[in-house]
Amino acid sequence: MNKRIQLTPGTPGPYKAMLALSAEVHSYAENAGLGKLTVELVKLRASQMNGCAFCLDMHSHETLKLGEDPRRIFVLDGWRETELFSDEERAALALTEEITRIGETQSVSDAVYAEATSVLTEDQYRAVAWLAVVINSFNRLAVTSHKPLPRKA
């Protein structure tokens, strides 16, 4: 892979602002009662869709540290075909996928919106949407610059 200009080290101000935004969104998600594993699954699923190896590596490790069953990580791309995910997780994953594809679809479908709002509170819905926005932003930074994986996991 060709070496690329890294976007975060040379722009400490915007990167610190992104980190602060991420921390604020995580705090909001926690206060909304969104499960920590749901938060990490949102980040993993968006990162899968965006092909962000750096974020997949990071959030897979974070998810395992939280006690996630590796089997659920292995089948995350096919979550709809399993019974391994809770209603909250399924609603969050569907919403995350729609937000991640918004450039193609131009919308969150009425069906996904209805599903999400039937399972998630308004604050949880907002938290998932913001989590998806933030991880998609981080994915775009890492993929654009071909951010290398850490030497050691």
N, C-alpha and C. Protein backbone atom coordinates (compact mmCIF):
# COMPACT_ATOMS: atom_id res chain seq x y z
N MET A 1 0.84 -1.17 0.00
CA MET A 1 0.00 0.00 0.00
C MET A 1 0.89 1.24 0.00
N ASN A 2 0.51 2.21 -0.79
CA ASN A 2 1.26 3.46 -0.86
C ASN A 2 1.11 4.26 0.43
N LYS A 3 2.23 4.85 0.85
CA LYS A 3 2.20 5.71 2.02
C LYS A 3 1.47 7.00 1.67
N ARG A 4 0.63 7.46 2.57
CA ARG A 4 -0.15 8.67 2.36
C ARG A 4 0.13 9.70 3.45
N ILE A 5 -0.20 10.92 3.19
CA ILE A 5 -0.12 11.97 4.21
C ILE A 5 -1.12 11.61 5.31
N GLN A 6 -0.63 11.59 6.53
CA GLN A 6 -1.49 11.32 7.68
C GLN A 6 -2.23 12.61 8.05
N LEU A 7 -3.52 12.50 8.23
CA LEU A 7 -4.36 13.68 8.42
C LEU A 7 -4.43 14.17 9.86
N THR A 8 -4.22 13.30 10.84
CA THR A 8 -4.42 13.74 12.22
C THR A 8 -3.18 14.36 12.86
N PRO A 9 -1.95 13.87 12.63
CA PRO A 9 -0.81 14.48 13.32
C PRO A 9 -0.54 15.92 12.92
N GLY A 10 -0.77 16.28 11.68
CA GLY A 10 -0.47 17.62 11.21
C GLY A 10 -1.56 18.64 11.47
N THR A 11 -2.67 18.18 11.99
CA THR A 11 -3.80 19.08 12.26
C THR A 11 -4.32 18.83 13.67
N PRO A 12 -3.51 19.19 14.68
CA PRO A 12 -3.90 18.85 16.06
C PRO A 12 -5.19 19.52 16.52
N GLY A 13 -5.48 20.71 16.05
CA GLY A 13 -6.70 21.39 16.48
C GLY A 13 -7.96 20.66 16.05
N PRO A 14 -8.13 20.41 14.75
CA PRO A 14 -9.32 19.68 14.31
C PRO A 14 -9.40 18.27 14.92
N TYR A 15 -8.25 17.61 15.04
CA TYR A 15 -8.26 16.26 15.60
C TYR A 15 -8.69 16.28 17.07
N LYS A 16 -8.19 17.23 17.84
CA LYS A 16 -8.61 17.35 19.24
C LYS A 16 -10.11 17.65 19.33
N ALA A 17 -10.61 18.46 18.41
CA ALA A 17 -12.04 18.76 18.38
C ALA A 17 -12.85 17.49 18.08
N MET A 18 -12.34 16.66 17.17
CA MET A 18 -13.01 15.38 16.87
C MET A 18 -13.02 14.48 18.09
N LEU A 19 -11.89 14.41 18.78
CA LEU A 19 -11.82 13.59 19.99
C LEU A 19 -12.77 14.11 21.06
N ALA A 20 -12.86 15.42 21.19
CA ALA A 20 -13.78 16.01 22.17
C ALA A 20 -15.24 15.71 21.79
N LEU A 21 -15.55 15.83 20.51
CA LEU A 21 -16.89 15.48 20.03
C LEU A 21 -17.20 14.02 20.34
N SER A 22 -16.25 13.14 20.05
CA SER A 22 -16.44 11.72 20.32
C SER A 22 -16.71 11.47 21.80
N ALA A 23 -15.94 12.12 22.67
CA ALA A 23 -16.13 11.95 24.12
C ALA A 23 -17.51 12.45 24.54
N GLU A 24 -17.94 13.56 23.98
CA GLU A 24 -19.26 14.12 24.31
C GLU A 24 -20.37 13.17 23.86
N VAL A 25 -20.24 12.62 22.67
CA VAL A 25 -21.24 11.69 22.15
C VAL A 25 -21.28 10.41 22.99
N HIS A 26 -20.12 9.93 23.40
CA HIS A 26 -20.09 8.73 24.25
C HIS A 26 -20.76 8.99 25.60
N SER A 27 -20.53 10.15 26.15
CA SER A 27 -21.16 10.53 27.41
C SER A 27 -22.68 10.60 27.23
N TYR A 28 -23.11 11.18 26.14
CA TYR A 28 -24.54 11.28 25.84
C TYR A 28 -25.15 9.88 25.70
N ALA A 29 -24.45 8.99 24.99
CA ALA A 29 -24.94 7.62 24.79
C ALA A 29 -25.08 6.89 26.13
N GLU A 30 -24.09 7.06 26.98
CA GLU A 30 -24.14 6.43 28.30
C GLU A 30 -25.31 6.98 29.11
N ASN A 31 -25.48 8.29 29.12
CA ASN A 31 -26.58 8.91 29.86
C ASN A 31 -27.94 8.52 29.29
N ALA A 32 -27.98 8.20 28.01
CA ALA A 32 -29.23 7.78 27.37
C ALA A 32 -29.55 6.31 27.67
N GLY A 33 -28.60 5.61 28.28
CA GLY A 33 -28.82 4.20 28.62
C GLY A 33 -28.49 3.24 27.50
N LEU A 34 -27.76 3.70 26.51
CA LEU A 34 -27.35 2.82 25.42
C LEU A 34 -26.23 1.92 25.92
N GLY A 35 -26.36 0.62 25.70
CA GLY A 35 -25.36 -0.33 26.18
C GLY A 35 -23.99 -0.11 25.56
N LYS A 36 -22.94 -0.34 26.36
CA LYS A 36 -21.56 -0.15 25.87
C LYS A 36 -21.25 -1.06 24.69
N LEU A 37 -21.77 -2.28 24.73
CA LEU A 37 -21.53 -3.19 23.60
C LEU A 37 -22.27 -2.69 22.36
N THR A 38 -23.45 -2.13 22.54
CA THR A 38 -24.17 -1.56 21.39
C THR A 38 -23.35 -0.44 20.77
N VAL A 39 -22.78 0.40 21.61
CA VAL A 39 -21.94 1.51 21.12
C VAL A 39 -20.79 0.96 20.27
N GLU A 40 -20.11 -0.05 20.77
CA GLU A 40 -18.97 -0.62 20.04
C GLU A 40 -19.42 -1.34 18.77
N LEU A 41 -20.56 -2.00 18.81
CA LEU A 41 -21.07 -2.67 17.61
C LEU A 41 -21.39 -1.66 16.51
N VAL A 42 -21.92 -0.50 16.90
CA VAL A 42 -22.18 0.58 15.93
C VAL A 42 -20.87 0.97 15.25
N LYS A 43 -19.83 1.15 16.05
CA LYS A 43 -18.53 1.57 15.49
C LYS A 43 -17.94 0.48 14.60
N LEU A 44 -18.08 -0.76 15.01
CA LEU A 44 -17.55 -1.86 14.20
C LEU A 44 -18.30 -1.99 12.88
N ARG A 45 -19.62 -1.90 12.93
CA ARG A 45 -20.40 -2.10 11.70
C ARG A 45 -20.13 -0.99 10.69
N ALA A 46 -20.10 0.25 11.13
CA ALA A 46 -19.79 1.34 10.20
C ALA A 46 -18.39 1.17 9.63
N SER A 47 -17.46 0.77 10.48
CA SER A 47 -16.07 0.59 10.04
C SER A 47 -15.96 -0.56 9.04
N GLN A 48 -16.75 -1.62 9.22
CA GLN A 48 -16.79 -2.70 8.23
C GLN A 48 -17.26 -2.15 6.89
N MET A 49 -18.36 -1.42 6.92
CA MET A 49 -18.95 -0.91 5.69
C MET A 49 -18.00 0.05 4.97
N ASN A 50 -17.22 0.80 5.74
CA ASN A 50 -16.29 1.77 5.16
C ASN A 50 -14.92 1.19 4.85
N GLY A 51 -14.70 -0.06 5.20
CA GLY A 51 -13.42 -0.70 4.93
C GLY A 51 -12.27 -0.08 5.70
N CYS A 52 -12.53 0.33 6.94
CA CYS A 52 -11.51 1.01 7.75
C CYS A 52 -10.80 0.00 8.65
N ALA A 53 -9.67 -0.50 8.18
CA ALA A 53 -8.92 -1.51 8.93
C ALA A 53 -8.46 -0.99 10.28
N PHE A 54 -7.99 0.26 10.33
CA PHE A 54 -7.51 0.82 11.59
C PHE A 54 -8.62 0.81 12.64
N CYS A 55 -9.81 1.30 12.27
CA CYS A 55 -10.93 1.37 13.21
C CYS A 55 -11.46 -0.03 13.54
N LEU A 56 -11.47 -0.93 12.58
CA LEU A 56 -11.88 -2.30 12.86
C LEU A 56 -10.97 -2.95 13.88
N ASP A 57 -9.68 -2.75 13.71
CA ASP A 57 -8.71 -3.29 14.65
C ASP A 57 -8.95 -2.71 16.05
N MET A 58 -9.04 -1.40 16.13
CA MET A 58 -9.21 -0.73 17.42
C MET A 58 -10.50 -1.16 18.12
N HIS A 59 -11.60 -1.11 17.40
CA HIS A 59 -12.89 -1.35 18.04
C HIS A 59 -13.16 -2.84 18.27
N SER A 60 -12.54 -3.71 17.51
CA SER A 60 -12.62 -5.14 17.83
C SER A 60 -11.97 -5.41 19.17
N HIS A 61 -10.81 -4.83 19.38
CA HIS A 61 -10.11 -5.00 20.66
C HIS A 61 -10.92 -4.40 21.81
N GLU A 62 -11.47 -3.20 21.59
CA GLU A 62 -12.28 -2.56 22.63
C GLU A 62 -13.50 -3.41 22.98
N THR A 63 -14.13 -3.96 21.96
CA THR A 63 -15.32 -4.78 22.18
C THR A 63 -14.98 -6.04 22.96
N LEU A 64 -13.86 -6.66 22.62
CA LEU A 64 -13.43 -7.85 23.36
C LEU A 64 -13.11 -7.51 24.81
N LYS A 65 -12.50 -6.35 25.06
CA LYS A 65 -12.21 -5.92 26.43
C LYS A 65 -13.48 -5.77 27.26
N LEU A 66 -14.58 -5.42 26.60
CA LEU A 66 -15.86 -5.27 27.29
C LEU A 66 -16.53 -6.62 27.54
N GLY A 67 -15.90 -7.70 27.07
CA GLY A 67 -16.45 -9.03 27.30
C GLY A 67 -17.30 -9.59 26.17
N GLU A 68 -17.23 -8.96 25.01
CA GLU A 68 -18.00 -9.42 23.87
C GLU A 68 -17.60 -10.83 23.47
N ASP A 69 -18.56 -11.62 23.06
CA ASP A 69 -18.33 -12.96 22.53
C ASP A 69 -17.74 -12.79 21.12
N PRO A 70 -16.53 -13.33 20.88
CA PRO A 70 -15.92 -13.18 19.55
C PRO A 70 -16.84 -13.64 18.42
N ARG A 71 -17.68 -14.60 18.69
CA ARG A 71 -18.59 -15.11 17.65
C ARG A 71 -19.46 -13.98 17.09
N ARG A 72 -19.92 -13.08 17.95
CA ARG A 72 -20.76 -11.98 17.47
C ARG A 72 -19.97 -11.02 16.60
N ILE A 73 -18.70 -10.84 16.89
CA ILE A 73 -17.86 -10.00 16.04
C ILE A 73 -17.67 -10.68 14.68
N PHE A 74 -17.44 -11.99 14.70
CA PHE A 74 -17.21 -12.74 13.46
C PHE A 74 -18.41 -12.66 12.51
N VAL A 75 -19.62 -12.63 13.06
CA VAL A 75 -20.82 -12.65 12.21
C VAL A 75 -21.49 -11.29 12.08
N LEU A 76 -20.84 -10.25 12.55
CA LEU A 76 -21.47 -8.92 12.56
C LEU A 76 -21.94 -8.49 11.17
N ASP A 77 -21.19 -8.79 10.14
CA ASP A 77 -21.59 -8.42 8.79
C ASP A 77 -22.89 -9.10 8.37
N GLY A 78 -23.22 -10.21 8.99
CA GLY A 78 -24.46 -10.93 8.68
C GLY A 78 -25.44 -10.92 9.85
N TRP A 79 -25.45 -9.85 10.62
CA TRP A 79 -26.25 -9.78 11.85
C TRP A 79 -27.72 -10.07 11.64
N ARG A 80 -28.25 -9.73 10.49
CA ARG A 80 -29.69 -9.96 10.23
C ARG A 80 -30.04 -11.44 10.18
N GLU A 81 -29.06 -12.28 9.89
CA GLU A 81 -29.31 -13.71 9.72
C GLU A 81 -29.14 -14.52 11.00
N THR A 82 -28.91 -13.85 12.12
CA THR A 82 -28.67 -14.56 13.37
C THR A 82 -29.65 -14.11 14.45
N GLU A 83 -29.66 -14.86 15.51
CA GLU A 83 -30.43 -14.51 16.70
C GLU A 83 -29.50 -14.01 17.80
N LEU A 84 -28.27 -13.65 17.45
CA LEU A 84 -27.25 -13.31 18.43
C LEU A 84 -27.32 -11.88 18.94
N PHE A 85 -28.17 -11.05 18.35
CA PHE A 85 -28.19 -9.63 18.68
C PHE A 85 -29.55 -9.24 19.26
N SER A 86 -29.51 -8.39 20.29
CA SER A 86 -30.73 -7.94 20.95
C SER A 86 -31.52 -6.99 20.05
N ASP A 87 -32.75 -6.70 20.45
CA ASP A 87 -33.56 -5.75 19.69
C ASP A 87 -32.90 -4.38 19.64
N GLU A 88 -32.32 -3.94 20.77
CA GLU A 88 -31.61 -2.65 20.80
C GLU A 88 -30.46 -2.66 19.81
N GLU A 89 -29.67 -3.71 19.82
CA GLU A 89 -28.52 -3.80 18.92
C GLU A 89 -28.96 -3.84 17.47
N ARG A 90 -30.01 -4.59 17.18
CA ARG A 90 -30.50 -4.70 15.81
C ARG A 90 -30.98 -3.34 15.29
N ALA A 91 -31.72 -2.62 16.14
CA ALA A 91 -32.20 -1.30 15.74
C ALA A 91 -31.03 -0.35 15.51
N ALA A 92 -30.05 -0.41 16.41
CA ALA A 92 -28.87 0.45 16.27
C ALA A 92 -28.06 0.10 15.03
N LEU A 93 -27.91 -1.18 14.74
CA LEU A 93 -27.16 -1.60 13.56
C LEU A 93 -27.87 -1.18 12.27
N ALA A 94 -29.17 -1.35 12.22
CA ALA A 94 -29.92 -0.96 11.03
C ALA A 94 -29.81 0.55 10.80
N LEU A 95 -29.96 1.32 11.86
CA LEU A 95 -29.86 2.77 11.75
C LEU A 95 -28.45 3.17 11.33
N THR A 96 -27.45 2.55 11.90
CA THR A 96 -26.06 2.84 11.55
C THR A 96 -25.80 2.57 10.07
N GLU A 97 -26.31 1.45 9.58
CA GLU A 97 -26.11 1.13 8.16
C GLU A 97 -26.75 2.18 7.26
N GLU A 98 -27.94 2.62 7.61
CA GLU A 98 -28.63 3.62 6.78
C GLU A 98 -27.88 4.96 6.81
N ILE A 99 -27.40 5.35 7.98
CA ILE A 99 -26.64 6.61 8.07
C ILE A 99 -25.33 6.50 7.30
N THR A 100 -24.68 5.36 7.38
CA THR A 100 -23.42 5.14 6.67
C THR A 100 -23.63 5.19 5.16
N ARG A 101 -24.78 4.75 4.69
CA ARG A 101 -25.08 4.74 3.25
C ARG A 101 -25.83 5.99 2.78
N ILE A 102 -25.93 6.98 3.61
CA ILE A 102 -26.79 8.13 3.30
C ILE A 102 -26.41 8.82 1.98
N GLY A 103 -25.16 8.73 1.58
CA GLY A 103 -24.75 9.30 0.30
C GLY A 103 -25.39 8.59 -0.87
N GLU A 104 -25.73 7.32 -0.70
CA GLU A 104 -26.39 6.54 -1.75
C GLU A 104 -27.90 6.66 -1.67
N THR A 105 -28.44 6.64 -0.46
CA THR A 105 -29.88 6.55 -0.28
C THR A 105 -30.55 7.90 -0.07
N GLN A 106 -29.78 8.89 0.38
CA GLN A 106 -30.28 10.24 0.65
C GLN A 106 -31.29 10.30 1.80
N SER A 107 -31.40 9.21 2.58
CA SER A 107 -32.39 9.20 3.64
C SER A 107 -32.19 8.01 4.57
N VAL A 108 -32.76 8.10 5.75
CA VAL A 108 -32.99 6.92 6.59
C VAL A 108 -34.41 6.49 6.25
N SER A 109 -34.56 5.26 5.82
CA SER A 109 -35.87 4.80 5.36
C SER A 109 -36.90 4.85 6.48
N ASP A 110 -38.16 4.97 6.06
CA ASP A 110 -39.25 4.98 7.04
C ASP A 110 -39.28 3.68 7.83
N ALA A 111 -38.97 2.56 7.19
CA ALA A 111 -38.99 1.27 7.88
C ALA A 111 -37.93 1.20 8.98
N VAL A 112 -36.72 1.65 8.68
CA VAL A 112 -35.65 1.63 9.68
C VAL A 112 -35.95 2.65 10.77
N TYR A 113 -36.45 3.81 10.41
CA TYR A 113 -36.82 4.80 11.41
C TYR A 113 -37.89 4.24 12.36
N ALA A 114 -38.91 3.61 11.80
CA ALA A 114 -39.99 3.05 12.62
C ALA A 114 -39.46 1.95 13.54
N GLU A 115 -38.60 1.09 13.00
CA GLU A 115 -38.02 0.02 13.81
C GLU A 115 -37.19 0.61 14.95
N ALA A 116 -36.34 1.55 14.61
CA ALA A 116 -35.45 2.14 15.62
C ALA A 116 -36.24 2.85 16.71
N THR A 117 -37.24 3.63 16.33
CA THR A 117 -38.00 4.39 17.32
C THR A 117 -38.98 3.53 18.10
N SER A 118 -39.22 2.31 17.64
CA SER A 118 -40.07 1.40 18.42
C SER A 118 -39.27 0.69 19.51
N VAL A 119 -37.95 0.69 19.37
CA VAL A 119 -37.08 -0.01 20.31
C VAL A 119 -36.27 0.96 21.16
N LEU A 120 -35.79 2.01 20.54
CA LEU A 120 -34.91 2.98 21.22
C LEU A 120 -35.71 4.17 21.71
N THR A 121 -35.29 4.73 22.83
CA THR A 121 -35.87 5.99 23.27
C THR A 121 -35.40 7.09 22.32
N GLU A 122 -35.98 8.27 22.44
CA GLU A 122 -35.53 9.38 21.59
C GLU A 122 -34.06 9.69 21.84
N ASP A 123 -33.65 9.68 23.10
CA ASP A 123 -32.24 9.96 23.42
C ASP A 123 -31.33 8.86 22.88
N GLN A 124 -31.76 7.61 22.95
CA GLN A 124 -30.94 6.52 22.41
C GLN A 124 -30.85 6.63 20.89
N TYR A 125 -31.95 6.98 20.24
CA TYR A 125 -31.93 7.19 18.79
C TYR A 125 -30.93 8.28 18.43
N ARG A 126 -31.00 9.40 19.15
CA ARG A 126 -30.06 10.49 18.90
C ARG A 126 -28.62 10.02 19.12
N ALA A 127 -28.41 9.26 20.18
CA ALA A 127 -27.05 8.77 20.49
C ALA A 127 -26.53 7.89 19.37
N VAL A 128 -27.34 6.97 18.88
CA VAL A 128 -26.89 6.09 17.79
C VAL A 128 -26.58 6.92 16.55
N ALA A 129 -27.44 7.87 16.23
CA ALA A 129 -27.21 8.71 15.05
C ALA A 129 -25.89 9.47 15.18
N TRP A 130 -25.66 10.07 16.35
CA TRP A 130 -24.40 10.80 16.56
C TRP A 130 -23.20 9.87 16.55
N LEU A 131 -23.34 8.69 17.15
CA LEU A 131 -22.24 7.71 17.11
C LEU A 131 -21.90 7.35 15.67
N ALA A 132 -22.92 7.14 14.86
CA ALA A 132 -22.69 6.80 13.45
C ALA A 132 -22.00 7.94 12.71
N VAL A 133 -22.43 9.16 12.97
CA VAL A 133 -21.79 10.32 12.34
C VAL A 133 -20.32 10.41 12.73
N VAL A 134 -20.03 10.23 14.01
CA VAL A 134 -18.65 10.37 14.49
C VAL A 134 -17.77 9.25 13.93
N ILE A 135 -18.22 8.00 14.00
CA ILE A 135 -17.36 6.91 13.51
C ILE A 135 -17.18 7.01 12.00
N ASN A 136 -18.20 7.43 11.29
CA ASN A 136 -18.03 7.62 9.85
C ASN A 136 -16.99 8.69 9.56
N SER A 137 -16.96 9.74 10.37
CA SER A 137 -15.94 10.78 10.21
C SER A 137 -14.55 10.23 10.47
N PHE A 138 -14.39 9.49 11.57
CA PHE A 138 -13.09 8.89 11.86
C PHE A 138 -12.68 7.90 10.76
N ASN A 139 -13.64 7.12 10.26
CA ASN A 139 -13.34 6.18 9.18
C ASN A 139 -12.80 6.91 7.96
N ARG A 140 -13.41 8.02 7.63
CA ARG A 140 -12.98 8.76 6.45
C ARG A 140 -11.57 9.33 6.62
N LEU A 141 -11.24 9.76 7.82
CA LEU A 141 -9.88 10.24 8.07
C LEU A 141 -8.87 9.10 7.93
N ALA A 142 -9.17 7.96 8.52
CA ALA A 142 -8.23 6.84 8.51
C ALA A 142 -8.09 6.21 7.13
N VAL A 143 -9.21 6.02 6.43
CA VAL A 143 -9.16 5.40 5.11
C VAL A 143 -8.46 6.31 4.12
N THR A 144 -8.75 7.60 4.17
CA THR A 144 -8.14 8.56 3.25
C THR A 144 -6.62 8.57 3.38
N SER A 145 -6.13 8.44 4.61
CA SER A 145 -4.69 8.51 4.83
C SER A 145 -4.02 7.13 4.91
N HIS A 146 -4.81 6.05 4.71
CA HIS A 146 -4.26 4.69 4.86
C HIS A 146 -3.56 4.56 6.22
N LYS A 147 -4.25 5.01 7.26
CA LYS A 147 -3.66 5.00 8.61
C LYS A 147 -3.18 3.59 8.94
N PRO A 148 -1.92 3.42 9.26
CA PRO A 148 -1.38 2.09 9.52
C PRO A 148 -1.88 1.53 10.86
N LEU A 149 -1.99 0.23 10.91
CA LEU A 149 -2.35 -0.44 12.16
C LEU A 149 -1.21 -0.28 13.15
N PRO A 150 -1.54 -0.27 14.44
CA PRO A 150 -0.45 -0.26 15.43
C PRO A 150 0.42 -1.51 15.23
N ARG A 151 1.68 -1.40 15.57
CA ARG A 151 2.60 -2.53 15.40
C ARG A 151 2.16 -3.76 16.19
N LYS A 152 1.65 -3.50 17.39
CA LYS A 152 1.20 -4.58 18.26
C LYS A 152 -0.24 -4.33 18.65
N ALA A 153 -1.01 -5.40 18.66
CA ALA A 153 -2.42 -5.26 19.06
C ALA A 153 -2.57 -5.31 20.55
